[in-house]
Protein backbone atom coordinates (compact mmCIF):
# COMPACT_ATOMS: atom_id res chain seq x y z
CA MET A 1 0.13 0.28 -0.07
CA THR A 2 1.25 3.50 -1.13
CA ASN A 3 0.34 7.10 0.72
CA ASN A 4 0.69 10.61 -1.33
CA LEU A 5 4.08 10.52 0.30
CA GLY A 6 5.14 7.57 -1.74
CA LEU A 7 5.49 5.19 1.82
CA LYS A 8 5.48 1.46 0.47
CA ILE A 9 4.57 -1.22 2.86
CA ASP A 10 5.59 -4.94 1.98
CA ARG A 11 3.77 -6.88 4.37
CA SER A 12 5.63 -10.30 3.08
CA SER A 13 9.16 -8.87 3.93
CA PRO A 14 10.86 -9.85 7.47
CA VAL A 15 11.67 -6.13 8.03
CA PRO A 16 9.44 -4.76 10.45
CA LEU A 17 7.01 -2.73 9.56
CA TYR A 18 7.73 0.39 11.72
CA TYR A 19 11.49 -0.02 10.53
CA GLN A 20 9.64 0.58 6.57
CA VAL A 21 7.92 3.33 7.84
CA VAL A 22 11.33 4.87 8.91
CA LYS A 23 13.74 3.92 6.05
CA GLY A 24 10.54 5.48 3.63
CA ILE A 25 10.39 8.62 5.28
CA GLU A 26 14.41 8.86 5.60
CA ALA A 27 14.61 7.92 2.12
CA ALA A 28 11.83 11.03 1.00
CA ILE A 29 13.84 13.18 3.19
CA SER A 30 16.68 12.42 1.46
CA GLY A 31 15.33 12.56 -1.95
CA GLY A 32 14.16 15.82 -1.29
CA ILE A 33 10.28 14.93 -1.44
CA LEU A 34 9.75 15.98 2.18
CA LEU A 35 11.80 19.69 2.66
CA PRO A 36 13.03 21.23 5.49
CA GLY A 37 9.64 22.85 7.72
CA THR A 38 7.49 20.13 5.85
CA ARG A 39 4.20 19.19 8.41
CA LEU A 40 3.84 15.68 8.43
CA ASP A 41 -0.01 14.28 8.72
CA ASN A 42 -0.51 13.19 12.32
CA GLU A 43 0.37 9.57 13.55
CA ILE A 44 -3.22 8.43 13.50
CA ASP A 45 -3.76 10.03 10.03
CA LEU A 46 -0.92 8.39 8.78
CA ALA A 47 -1.65 4.83 10.61
CA ALA A 48 -5.03 4.72 8.62
CA GLN A 49 -3.58 6.17 5.22
CA LEU A 50 -1.05 2.83 5.65
CA ASN A 51 -3.39 0.66 6.76
CA LEU A 52 -0.74 0.18 10.33
CA SER A 53 -1.98 0.57 13.91
CA ARG A 54 -1.27 3.59 15.54
CA PRO A 55 1.07 1.71 18.08
CA THR A 56 3.05 0.76 14.57
CA MET A 57 3.61 4.37 13.37
CA ARG A 58 4.14 5.74 17.04
CA LYS A 59 7.00 3.68 16.80
CA ALA A 60 8.59 4.83 13.67
CA MET A 61 7.83 8.60 14.70
CA ASP A 62 9.52 8.17 17.84
CA GLU A 63 12.55 6.76 16.03
CA LEU A 64 12.99 9.76 13.50
CA VAL A 65 12.35 12.16 16.32
CA ARG A 66 15.61 10.52 18.04
CA SER A 67 17.44 10.28 14.79
CA GLY A 68 17.11 13.99 14.80
CA LEU A 69 14.98 13.83 11.48
CA LEU A 70 11.56 15.07 12.98
CA VAL A 71 10.65 17.20 15.49
CA ARG A 72 7.28 17.42 17.36
CA LYS A 73 6.04 21.06 18.35
CA ARG A 74 3.10 21.36 20.65
CA GLY A 75 0.59 23.19 18.47
CA VAL A 76 1.76 22.32 15.42
CA GLY A 77 2.56 19.25 14.71
CA THR A 78 5.44 16.67 13.69
CA GLN A 79 7.80 18.38 11.50
CA VAL A 80 10.76 17.21 8.86
CA VAL A 81 13.96 19.54 11.26
CA SER A 82 14.95 22.58 9.25
CA SER A 83 18.48 23.68 9.61
CA GLN A 84 17.25 27.23 10.49
CA VAL A 85 15.84 25.20 13.85
CA HIS A 86 18.11 22.49 14.12
CA ARG A 87 20.42 23.84 17.13
CA PRO A 88 24.28 24.16 15.75
CA LEU A 89 26.60 21.67 16.50
CA GLN A 90 30.11 21.66 18.02
CA LEU A 91 31.77 18.81 15.67
CA SER A 92 34.91 17.30 17.12
CA SER A 93 37.33 14.42 15.42
CA LEU A 94 38.32 11.44 17.38
CA TYR A 95 41.74 13.23 17.25
CA ASP A 96 40.68 16.68 18.51
CA ASP A 97 39.07 15.14 21.19
CA LEU A 98 42.17 12.97 22.18
CA ALA A 99 44.56 15.97 21.99
CA SER A 100 42.49 18.19 23.82
CA SER A 101 42.72 16.29 26.51
CA GLY A 102 46.37 15.55 26.82
CA LYS A 103 46.67 12.25 25.05
CA SER A 104 49.07 11.68 22.30
CA PRO A 105 46.88 10.33 18.91
CA THR A 106 48.69 8.58 16.22
CA THR A 107 47.73 7.54 12.89
CA GLN A 108 48.13 4.74 10.25
CA VAL A 109 46.26 4.70 7.18
CA LEU A 110 45.63 1.21 6.25
CA SER A 111 43.86 1.99 2.94
CA PHE A 112 43.75 4.84 0.25
CA SER A 113 42.07 5.91 -2.82
CA ARG A 114 40.60 8.28 -4.98
CA GLY A 115 37.62 7.33 -7.18
CA GLU A 116 33.70 7.10 -8.10
CA ALA A 117 31.53 6.88 -5.29
CA ASP A 118 29.28 3.87 -5.09
CA GLU A 119 25.50 4.38 -5.63
CA ALA A 120 25.07 4.10 -1.88
CA THR A 121 27.95 6.58 -1.29
CA LEU A 122 26.47 9.08 -3.88
CA ALA A 123 22.65 8.46 -1.94
CA THR A 124 24.33 9.64 1.30
CA LEU A 125 26.15 12.54 0.23
CA GLN A 126 23.83 13.47 -2.55
CA LEU A 127 26.13 13.93 -5.13
CA PRO A 128 25.58 13.27 -9.10
CA PHE A 129 26.74 10.01 -10.81
CA GLY A 130 30.51 9.91 -11.41
CA SER A 131 31.55 12.16 -8.82
CA GLN A 132 34.53 11.09 -7.05
CA VAL A 133 35.31 10.95 -3.16
CA TYR A 134 38.13 9.69 -1.10
CA HIS A 135 37.69 6.45 0.70
CA PHE A 136 40.29 5.55 3.07
CA THR A 137 40.53 3.41 6.66
CA ARG A 138 42.61 4.27 9.71
CA LEU A 139 44.00 2.76 12.79
CA ARG A 140 43.58 5.32 15.62
CA LYS A 141 46.12 4.69 18.78
CA VAL A 142 46.64 6.56 21.88
CA ASN A 143 49.73 6.89 23.57
CA GLY A 144 50.23 3.63 21.69
CA LYS A 145 47.45 1.83 22.26
CA PRO A 146 44.83 0.61 19.46
CA LEU A 147 41.68 2.80 20.32
CA ALA A 148 39.69 3.05 16.59
CA LEU A 149 39.40 1.29 13.18
CA MET A 150 37.58 4.86 11.09
CA GLU A 151 36.38 4.13 7.93
CA ASN A 152 35.43 7.54 6.15
CA TRP A 153 34.41 8.45 2.34
CA VAL A 154 35.19 12.19 1.58
CA ARG A 155 34.11 14.28 -1.24
CA SER A 156 36.99 15.33 -3.50
CA ASP A 157 36.03 18.70 -4.60
CA VAL A 158 36.19 20.23 -1.30
CA VAL A 159 39.90 18.97 -0.31
CA GLU A 160 43.07 17.54 -1.29
CA LEU A 161 43.67 14.33 0.45
CA ASP A 162 46.81 12.31 0.97
CA GLU A 163 48.28 9.03 3.38
CA SER A 164 50.47 11.61 4.96
CA SER A 165 48.29 14.22 5.93
CA LEU A 166 45.76 12.28 7.36
CA GLU A 167 48.65 10.46 9.02
CA ALA A 168 50.01 13.02 10.92
CA ASP A 169 47.06 15.48 11.36
CA GLY A 170 42.81 14.83 12.41
CA LEU A 171 40.86 15.01 9.48
CA TYR A 172 38.22 17.52 10.56
CA ALA A 173 41.40 19.88 11.47
CA ILE A 174 42.10 19.18 7.69
CA LEU A 175 38.80 19.92 6.31
CA ARG A 176 38.89 23.76 8.35
CA LEU A 177 42.15 24.23 6.77
CA ALA A 178 40.81 23.75 3.44
CA GLY A 179 37.86 26.26 4.17
CA VAL A 180 35.51 23.64 5.68
CA ASN A 181 32.85 25.33 8.03
CA PHE A 182 30.75 22.22 9.67
CA ARG A 183 27.19 22.98 11.06
CA LEU A 184 25.57 19.90 11.63
CA ALA A 185 25.88 16.33 11.61
CA THR A 186 23.31 12.96 11.77
CA GLN A 187 24.84 10.15 13.86
CA ARG A 188 24.07 6.84 14.89
CA ILE A 189 25.48 5.07 17.63
CA GLY A 190 25.48 1.38 17.82
CA ALA A 191 27.28 -1.58 19.61
CA MET A 192 29.16 -4.98 17.92
CA ASN A 193 31.20 -8.10 18.73
CA ALA A 194 34.68 -7.90 17.06
CA SER A 195 35.52 -9.86 13.92
CA LYS A 196 38.77 -11.40 13.95
CA HIS A 197 40.05 -8.80 11.73
CA GLN A 198 38.94 -5.99 14.15
CA SER A 199 40.22 -8.14 16.78
CA THR A 200 43.29 -8.09 15.42
CA LEU A 201 44.13 -4.45 14.66
CA LEU A 202 42.93 -3.15 17.70
CA ASP A 203 44.76 -6.43 19.96
CA ILE A 204 41.71 -7.63 21.78
CA GLU A 205 40.02 -10.78 21.68
CA LYS A 206 38.03 -12.12 18.80
CA GLY A 207 33.79 -10.81 20.21
CA SER A 208 35.04 -8.32 22.15
CA ALA A 209 32.90 -5.73 22.69
CA LEU A 210 32.72 -2.90 20.15
CA VAL A 211 31.03 0.87 19.80
CA THR A 212 30.05 1.96 16.76
CA MET A 213 29.39 5.47 15.16
CA GLU A 214 27.86 6.61 11.95
CA ARG A 215 28.53 9.96 11.21
CA THR A 216 27.67 12.11 8.28
CA ALA A 217 28.54 15.95 8.49
CA VAL A 218 26.99 18.78 6.52
CA ASP A 219 28.81 22.04 6.20
CA ASP A 220 27.37 25.78 6.68
CA THR A 221 26.89 25.71 2.84
CA GLY A 222 24.42 22.50 2.65
CA ARG A 223 26.79 20.57 1.31
CA ARG A 224 27.25 16.69 3.23
CA VAL A 225 31.09 16.93 3.39
CA GLU A 226 32.08 12.96 4.20
CA THR A 227 30.28 10.05 5.89
CA SER A 228 31.62 7.77 7.96
CA TRP A 229 31.50 4.30 10.22
CA HIS A 230 33.91 3.71 12.62
CA VAL A 231 34.40 1.00 15.38
CA TYR A 232 36.09 1.51 19.02
CA ARG A 233 37.30 -0.81 21.79
CA ALA A 234 34.58 -0.61 24.24
CA ASP A 235 37.11 -1.09 27.11
CA SER A 236 38.81 2.09 26.07
CA TYR A 237 36.05 4.71 24.94
CA SER A 238 32.38 5.95 25.17
CA PHE A 239 30.08 8.43 23.86
CA GLU A 240 28.83 10.84 26.77
CA SER A 241 26.00 13.41 25.94
CA THR A 242 23.80 16.11 27.56
CA LEU A 243 19.88 15.57 27.36
CA VAL A 244 17.88 19.23 27.24
CA ALA A 245 14.31 18.72 27.95
CA ARG A 246 11.83 20.55 25.31
């Protein structure tokens, strides 16, 4: 069944219904169907349009609010988050965090290339077909101890990158020096167990707990500059956030 936003629900799919709604609305936002500031129908109406239960629709909307894509406003309803009302984020890299806390980070570039982006990266960074990106993986250590494996995709029209610069400094410091002014980011924190490859590089036992982070950063002109997927040793690193009541 399809509604006027183009959301499709496949009841034969093993993917939970609420998660199909989440991914559908995410796609509508990233594809420009739902523009910043767009007001969505209420949960009851959306549930009726998609023939879903209200609890299922509420779960989907709650997830989208938690991820920062939607915001609920009293007396207004649910809207797509607009950069004009989104609180600016002070973005920092792992290198910045470690250096500012007095530690000594070092970086080893494990792979590095520049070439045409695949479809997933084009979609994430909102780039036209044929665009080139830098793609690299790095091992970050602190005081000689492995801490994180980092995989990044950076659009090639904003900066010139090479392996030596990535080993000498943090990525965000390089981008800022090239004139990139970060505005905001979407970020997802998760967890996983270390694979054999990850455990070898991070000097931990296979199956050890890892903290994961997916991030896509946007500059002050609205460009999606870079996207990344990082894993951190859970025994050595954690994320801390301050929550503010609305």
